[in-house]
Full PDB file with SEQRES, HELIX, SHEET, SSBOND, CRYST1, ORIGX, SCALE, CONECT and MASTER records, all heavy atoms in Angstrom:
SEQRES   1 A   28  THR PHE ALA ASP SER THR PRO THR CYS ALA CYS GLN GLY          
SEQRES   2 A   28  PRO ASP GLY LEU LEU TYR ILE GLY THR LEU ALA LEU VAL          
SEQRES   3 A   28  ASP SER                                                      
SHEET    1 AA1 2 PRO A   7  GLN A  12  0                                        
SHEET    2 AA1 2 LEU A  18  THR A  22 -1                                        
CRYST1    1.000    1.000    1.000  90.00  90.00  90.00 P 1           1          
ORIGX1      1.000000  0.000000  0.000000        0.00000                         
ORIGX2      0.000000  1.000000  0.000000        0.00000                         
ORIGX3      0.000000  0.000000  1.000000        0.00000                         
SCALE1      1.000000  0.000000  0.000000        0.00000                         
SCALE2      0.000000  1.000000  0.000000        0.00000                         
SCALE3      0.000000  0.000000  1.000000        0.00000                         
ATOM      1  N   THR A   1       0.815  -1.221  -0.003  1.00  0.00           N  
ATOM      2  CA  THR A   1       0.003  -0.002   0.001  1.00  0.00           C  
ATOM      3  C   THR A   1       0.860   1.268  -0.004  1.00  0.00           C  
ATOM      4  O   THR A   1       0.616   2.204  -0.767  1.00  0.00           O  
ATOM      5  CB  THR A   1      -0.918   0.023   1.233  1.00  0.00           C  
ATOM      6  OG1 THR A   1      -1.757  -1.143   1.216  1.00  0.00           O  
ATOM      7  CG2 THR A   1      -1.788   1.261   1.243  1.00  0.00           C  
ATOM      8  N   PHE A   2       1.882   1.295   0.839  1.00  0.00           N  
ATOM      9  CA  PHE A   2       2.686   2.510   1.017  1.00  0.00           C  
ATOM     10  C   PHE A   2       4.066   2.439   0.368  1.00  0.00           C  
ATOM     11  O   PHE A   2       4.717   3.471   0.227  1.00  0.00           O  
ATOM     12  CB  PHE A   2       2.875   2.801   2.503  1.00  0.00           C  
ATOM     13  CG  PHE A   2       1.592   3.140   3.234  1.00  0.00           C  
ATOM     14  CD1 PHE A   2       1.297   2.545   4.440  1.00  0.00           C  
ATOM     15  CD2 PHE A   2       0.702   4.033   2.706  1.00  0.00           C  
ATOM     16  CE1 PHE A   2       0.129   2.853   5.115  1.00  0.00           C  
ATOM     17  CE2 PHE A   2      -0.481   4.355   3.358  1.00  0.00           C  
ATOM     18  CZ  PHE A   2      -0.781   3.750   4.584  1.00  0.00           C  
ATOM     19  N   ALA A   3       4.533   1.248   0.032  1.00  0.00           N  
ATOM     20  CA  ALA A   3       5.901   1.114  -0.494  1.00  0.00           C  
ATOM     21  C   ALA A   3       5.982  -0.164  -1.306  1.00  0.00           C  
ATOM     22  O   ALA A   3       5.006  -0.916  -1.430  1.00  0.00           O  
ATOM     23  CB  ALA A   3       6.909   1.121   0.636  1.00  0.00           C  
ATOM     24  N   ASP A   4       7.181  -0.433  -1.821  1.00  0.00           N  
ATOM     25  CA  ASP A   4       7.361  -1.630  -2.614  1.00  0.00           C  
ATOM     26  C   ASP A   4       7.456  -2.854  -1.711  1.00  0.00           C  
ATOM     27  O   ASP A   4       7.587  -2.754  -0.492  1.00  0.00           O  
ATOM     28  CB  ASP A   4       8.579  -1.506  -3.518  1.00  0.00           C  
ATOM     29  CG  ASP A   4       9.824  -1.086  -2.779  1.00  0.00           C  
ATOM     30  OD1 ASP A   4       9.708  -0.690  -1.613  1.00  0.00           O  
ATOM     31  OD2 ASP A   4      10.923  -1.161  -3.375  1.00  0.00           O  
ATOM     32  N   SER A   5       7.415  -4.029  -2.331  1.00  0.00           N  
ATOM     33  CA  SER A   5       7.306  -5.268  -1.561  1.00  0.00           C  
ATOM     34  C   SER A   5       8.613  -5.675  -0.874  1.00  0.00           C  
ATOM     35  O   SER A   5       8.620  -6.252   0.194  1.00  0.00           O  
ATOM     36  CB  SER A   5       6.858  -6.404  -2.471  1.00  0.00           C  
ATOM     37  OG  SER A   5       7.749  -6.569  -3.557  1.00  0.00           O  
ATOM     38  N   THR A   6       9.755  -5.417  -1.526  1.00  0.00           N  
ATOM     39  CA  THR A   6      11.086  -5.738  -1.004  1.00  0.00           C  
ATOM     40  C   THR A   6      11.252  -7.237  -0.704  1.00  0.00           C  
ATOM     41  O   THR A   6      11.300  -7.640   0.452  1.00  0.00           O  
ATOM     42  CB  THR A   6      11.412  -4.922   0.254  1.00  0.00           C  
ATOM     43  OG1 THR A   6      11.015  -3.570   0.063  1.00  0.00           O  
ATOM     44  CG2 THR A   6      12.904  -4.959   0.546  1.00  0.00           C  
ATOM     45  N   PRO A   7      11.326  -8.068  -1.732  1.00  0.00           N  
ATOM     46  CA  PRO A   7      11.582  -9.495  -1.483  1.00  0.00           C  
ATOM     47  C   PRO A   7      12.984  -9.687  -0.931  1.00  0.00           C  
ATOM     48  O   PRO A   7      13.944  -9.040  -1.352  1.00  0.00           O  
ATOM     49  CB  PRO A   7      11.440 -10.108  -2.879  1.00  0.00           C  
ATOM     50  CG  PRO A   7      11.741  -9.005  -3.823  1.00  0.00           C  
ATOM     51  CD  PRO A   7      11.225  -7.762  -3.165  1.00  0.00           C  
ATOM     52  N   THR A   8      13.119 -10.570   0.043  1.00  0.00           N  
ATOM     53  CA  THR A   8      14.397 -10.754   0.738  1.00  0.00           C  
ATOM     54  C   THR A   8      14.933 -12.163   0.723  1.00  0.00           C  
ATOM     55  O   THR A   8      16.111 -12.371   1.037  1.00  0.00           O  
ATOM     56  CB  THR A   8      14.252 -10.315   2.195  1.00  0.00           C  
ATOM     57  OG1 THR A   8      13.146 -11.010   2.779  1.00  0.00           O  
ATOM     58  CG2 THR A   8      14.049  -8.811   2.318  1.00  0.00           C  
ATOM     59  N   CYS A   9      14.094 -13.164   0.407  1.00  0.00           N  
ATOM     60  CA  CYS A   9      14.592 -14.530   0.497  1.00  0.00           C  
ATOM     61  C   CYS A   9      13.835 -15.451  -0.442  1.00  0.00           C  
ATOM     62  O   CYS A   9      12.696 -15.164  -0.828  1.00  0.00           O  
ATOM     63  CB  CYS A   9      14.491 -15.053   1.928  1.00  0.00           C  
ATOM     64  SG  CYS A   9      12.779 -15.191   2.536  1.00  0.00           S  
ATOM     65  N   ALA A  10      14.483 -16.544  -0.803  1.00  0.00           N  
ATOM     66  CA  ALA A  10      13.874 -17.560  -1.664  1.00  0.00           C  
ATOM     67  C   ALA A  10      14.271 -18.925  -1.158  1.00  0.00           C  
ATOM     68  O   ALA A  10      15.391 -19.152  -0.715  1.00  0.00           O  
ATOM     69  CB  ALA A  10      14.297 -17.372  -3.113  1.00  0.00           C  
ATOM     70  N   CYS A  11      13.344 -19.875  -1.216  1.00  0.00           N  
ATOM     71  CA  CYS A  11      13.644 -21.263  -0.899  1.00  0.00           C  
ATOM     72  C   CYS A  11      12.758 -22.160  -1.741  1.00  0.00           C  
ATOM     73  O   CYS A  11      11.729 -21.718  -2.270  1.00  0.00           O  
ATOM     74  CB  CYS A  11      13.476 -21.543   0.588  1.00  0.00           C  
ATOM     75  SG  CYS A  11      11.861 -21.122   1.264  1.00  0.00           S  
ATOM     76  N   GLN A  12      13.159 -23.398  -1.856  1.00  0.00           N  
ATOM     77  CA  GLN A  12      12.407 -24.375  -2.630  1.00  0.00           C  
ATOM     78  C   GLN A  12      11.570 -25.241  -1.697  1.00  0.00           C  
ATOM     79  O   GLN A  12      12.073 -25.766  -0.715  1.00  0.00           O  
ATOM     80  CB  GLN A  12      13.325 -25.244  -3.468  1.00  0.00           C  
ATOM     81  CG  GLN A  12      12.623 -26.132  -4.479  1.00  0.00           C  
ATOM     82  CD  GLN A  12      13.609 -26.869  -5.388  1.00  0.00           C  
ATOM     83  OE1 GLN A  12      14.565 -27.464  -4.904  1.00  0.00           O  
ATOM     84  NE2 GLN A  12      13.386 -26.812  -6.675  1.00  0.00           N  
ATOM     85  N   GLY A  13      10.270 -25.342  -1.990  1.00  0.00           N  
ATOM     86  CA  GLY A  13       9.377 -26.085  -1.140  1.00  0.00           C  
ATOM     87  C   GLY A  13       9.370 -27.580  -1.424  1.00  0.00           C  
ATOM     88  O   GLY A  13       9.956 -28.040  -2.410  1.00  0.00           O  
ATOM     89  N   PRO A  14       8.695 -28.360  -0.585  1.00  0.00           N  
ATOM     90  CA  PRO A  14       8.594 -29.792  -0.811  1.00  0.00           C  
ATOM     91  C   PRO A  14       7.958 -30.144  -2.154  1.00  0.00           C  
ATOM     92  O   PRO A  14       8.157 -31.250  -2.657  1.00  0.00           O  
ATOM     93  CB  PRO A  14       7.710 -30.265   0.354  1.00  0.00           C  
ATOM     94  CG  PRO A  14       7.855 -29.213   1.396  1.00  0.00           C  
ATOM     95  CD  PRO A  14       8.040 -27.929   0.646  1.00  0.00           C  
ATOM     96  N   ASP A  15       7.185 -29.214  -2.711  1.00  0.00           N  
ATOM     97  CA  ASP A  15       6.560 -29.435  -4.006  1.00  0.00           C  
ATOM     98  C   ASP A  15       7.444 -29.044  -5.184  1.00  0.00           C  
ATOM     99  O   ASP A  15       7.014 -29.117  -6.346  1.00  0.00           O  
ATOM    100  CB  ASP A  15       5.234 -28.656  -4.075  1.00  0.00           C  
ATOM    101  CG  ASP A  15       5.410 -27.168  -3.780  1.00  0.00           C  
ATOM    102  OD1 ASP A  15       6.553 -26.723  -3.526  1.00  0.00           O  
ATOM    103  OD2 ASP A  15       4.394 -26.441  -3.787  1.00  0.00           O  
ATOM    104  N   GLY A  16       8.657 -28.593  -4.904  1.00  0.00           N  
ATOM    105  CA  GLY A  16       9.580 -28.193  -5.954  1.00  0.00           C  
ATOM    106  C   GLY A  16       9.408 -26.784  -6.447  1.00  0.00           C  
ATOM    107  O   GLY A  16      10.207 -26.326  -7.279  1.00  0.00           O  
ATOM    108  N   LEU A  17       8.398 -26.070  -5.955  1.00  0.00           N  
ATOM    109  CA  LEU A  17       8.191 -24.688  -6.372  1.00  0.00           C  
ATOM    110  C   LEU A  17       8.978 -23.740  -5.472  1.00  0.00           C  
ATOM    111  O   LEU A  17       9.498 -24.127  -4.433  1.00  0.00           O  
ATOM    112  CB  LEU A  17       6.684 -24.362  -6.323  1.00  0.00           C  
ATOM    113  CG  LEU A  17       5.812 -25.234  -7.225  1.00  0.00           C  
ATOM    114  CD1 LEU A  17       4.376 -24.726  -7.217  1.00  0.00           C  
ATOM    115  CD2 LEU A  17       6.343 -25.333  -8.649  1.00  0.00           C  
ATOM    116  N   LEU A  18       9.039 -22.478  -5.873  1.00  0.00           N  
ATOM    117  CA  LEU A  18       9.797 -21.484  -5.128  1.00  0.00           C  
ATOM    118  C   LEU A  18       8.870 -20.678  -4.216  1.00  0.00           C  
ATOM    119  O   LEU A  18       7.749 -20.340  -4.586  1.00  0.00           O  
ATOM    120  CB  LEU A  18      10.542 -20.534  -6.062  1.00  0.00           C  
ATOM    121  CG  LEU A  18      11.588 -21.154  -6.973  1.00  0.00           C  
ATOM    122  CD1 LEU A  18      12.378 -20.070  -7.708  1.00  0.00           C  
ATOM    123  CD2 LEU A  18      12.521 -22.082  -6.228  1.00  0.00           C  
ATOM    124  N   TYR A  19       9.393 -20.363  -3.036  1.00  0.00           N  
ATOM    125  CA  TYR A  19       8.674 -19.567  -2.047  1.00  0.00           C  
ATOM    126  C   TYR A  19       9.523 -18.331  -1.746  1.00  0.00           C  
ATOM    127  O   TYR A  19      10.689 -18.466  -1.354  1.00  0.00           O  
ATOM    128  CB  TYR A  19       8.404 -20.394  -0.789  1.00  0.00           C  
ATOM    129  CG  TYR A  19       7.400 -21.485  -1.055  1.00  0.00           C  
ATOM    130  CD1 TYR A  19       7.760 -22.630  -1.758  1.00  0.00           C  
ATOM    131  CD2 TYR A  19       6.074 -21.350  -0.647  1.00  0.00           C  
ATOM    132  CE1 TYR A  19       6.830 -23.627  -2.038  1.00  0.00           C  
ATOM    133  CE2 TYR A  19       5.142 -22.348  -0.921  1.00  0.00           C  
ATOM    134  CZ  TYR A  19       5.537 -23.480  -1.625  1.00  0.00           C  
ATOM    135  OH  TYR A  19       4.606 -24.454  -1.897  1.00  0.00           O  
ATOM    136  N   ILE A  20       8.948 -17.148  -1.945  1.00  0.00           N  
ATOM    137  CA  ILE A  20       9.680 -15.892  -1.836  1.00  0.00           C  
ATOM    138  C   ILE A  20       9.078 -15.073  -0.702  1.00  0.00           C  
ATOM    139  O   ILE A  20       7.887 -14.755  -0.699  1.00  0.00           O  
ATOM    140  CB  ILE A  20       9.593 -15.070  -3.151  1.00  0.00           C  
ATOM    141  CG1 ILE A  20       9.850 -15.953  -4.367  1.00  0.00           C  
ATOM    142  CG2 ILE A  20      10.530 -13.871  -3.088  1.00  0.00           C  
ATOM    143  CD1 ILE A  20      11.228 -16.533  -4.454  1.00  0.00           C  
ATOM    144  N   GLY A  21       9.901 -14.719   0.280  1.00  0.00           N  
ATOM    145  CA  GLY A  21       9.442 -13.901   1.386  1.00  0.00           C  
ATOM    146  C   GLY A  21       9.722 -12.427   1.157  1.00  0.00           C  
ATOM    147  O   GLY A  21      10.731 -12.072   0.531  1.00  0.00           O  
ATOM    148  N   THR A  22       8.843 -11.562   1.658  1.00  0.00           N  
ATOM    149  CA  THR A  22       9.014 -10.121   1.485  1.00  0.00           C  
ATOM    150  C   THR A  22       9.212  -9.409   2.839  1.00  0.00           C  
ATOM    151  O   THR A  22       8.785  -9.904   3.886  1.00  0.00           O  
ATOM    152  CB  THR A  22       7.809  -9.498   0.765  1.00  0.00           C  
ATOM    153  OG1 THR A  22       6.655  -9.535   1.625  1.00  0.00           O  
ATOM    154  CG2 THR A  22       7.505 -10.215  -0.533  1.00  0.00           C  
ATOM    155  N   LEU A  23       9.818  -8.234   2.751  1.00  0.00           N  
ATOM    156  CA  LEU A  23      10.038  -7.415   3.950  1.00  0.00           C  
ATOM    157  C   LEU A  23       8.803  -6.571   4.280  1.00  0.00           C  
ATOM    158  O   LEU A  23       8.399  -6.480   5.439  1.00  0.00           O  
ATOM    159  CB  LEU A  23      11.260  -6.531   3.720  1.00  0.00           C  
ATOM    160  CG  LEU A  23      11.882  -5.883   4.963  1.00  0.00           C  
ATOM    161  CD1 LEU A  23      12.533  -6.916   5.847  1.00  0.00           C  
ATOM    162  CD2 LEU A  23      12.922  -4.834   4.540  1.00  0.00           C  
ATOM    163  N   ALA A  24       8.247  -5.927   3.247  1.00  0.00           N  
ATOM    164  CA  ALA A  24       7.081  -5.056   3.442  1.00  0.00           C  
ATOM    165  C   ALA A  24       7.264  -4.149   4.649  1.00  0.00           C  
ATOM    166  O   ALA A  24       6.383  -4.014   5.507  1.00  0.00           O  
ATOM    167  CB  ALA A  24       5.813  -5.906   3.583  1.00  0.00           C  
ATOM    168  N   LEU A  25       8.433  -3.500   4.715  1.00  0.00           N  
ATOM    169  CA  LEU A  25       8.849  -2.816   5.932  1.00  0.00           C  
ATOM    170  C   LEU A  25       7.940  -1.631   6.275  1.00  0.00           C  
ATOM    171  O   LEU A  25       7.413  -1.520   7.379  1.00  0.00           O  
ATOM    172  CB  LEU A  25      10.281  -2.349   5.770  1.00  0.00           C  
ATOM    173  CG  LEU A  25      10.915  -1.702   6.996  1.00  0.00           C  
ATOM    174  CD1 LEU A  25      11.037  -2.705   8.126  1.00  0.00           C  
ATOM    175  CD2 LEU A  25      12.289  -1.123   6.640  1.00  0.00           C  
ATOM    176  N   VAL A  26       7.749  -0.729   5.329  1.00  0.00           N  
ATOM    177  CA  VAL A  26       6.979   0.491   5.617  1.00  0.00           C  
ATOM    178  C   VAL A  26       5.556   0.156   5.989  1.00  0.00           C  
ATOM    179  O   VAL A  26       5.000   0.711   6.955  1.00  0.00           O  
ATOM    180  CB  VAL A  26       7.046   1.453   4.409  1.00  0.00           C  
ATOM    181  CG1 VAL A  26       6.168   2.669   4.656  1.00  0.00           C  
ATOM    182  CG2 VAL A  26       8.484   1.874   4.107  1.00  0.00           C  
ATOM    183  N   ASP A  27       4.945  -0.748   5.232  1.00  0.00           N  
ATOM    184  CA  ASP A  27       3.557  -1.103   5.541  1.00  0.00           C  
ATOM    185  C   ASP A  27       3.428  -1.766   6.896  1.00  0.00           C  
ATOM    186  O   ASP A  27       2.456  -1.557   7.607  1.00  0.00           O  
ATOM    187  CB  ASP A  27       3.025  -2.016   4.432  1.00  0.00           C  
ATOM    188  CG  ASP A  27       2.706  -1.260   3.168  1.00  0.00           C  
ATOM    189  OD1 ASP A  27       3.650  -0.795   2.506  1.00  0.00           O  
ATOM    190  OD2 ASP A  27       1.514  -1.079   2.856  1.00  0.00           O  
ATOM    191  N   SER A  28       4.444  -2.576   7.287  1.00  0.00           N  
ATOM    192  CA  SER A  28       4.389  -3.201   8.608  1.00  0.00           C  
ATOM    193  C   SER A  28       4.526  -2.178   9.729  1.00  0.00           C  
ATOM    194  O   SER A  28       3.985  -2.371  10.826  1.00  0.00           O  
ATOM    195  CB  SER A  28       5.482  -4.252   8.725  1.00  0.00           C  
ATOM    196  OG  SER A  28       5.239  -5.337   7.826  1.00  0.00           O  
TER     197      SER A  28                                                      
MASTER        0    0    0    0    2    0    0    6  196    1    0    3          
END                                                                             
């Protein structure tokens, strides 16, 4: 809402797909 998403990490799940975590600092 207030800023960009800022992705910070990636990992591969048990299903073989990628999971990307975000910081979302300003909105938090």
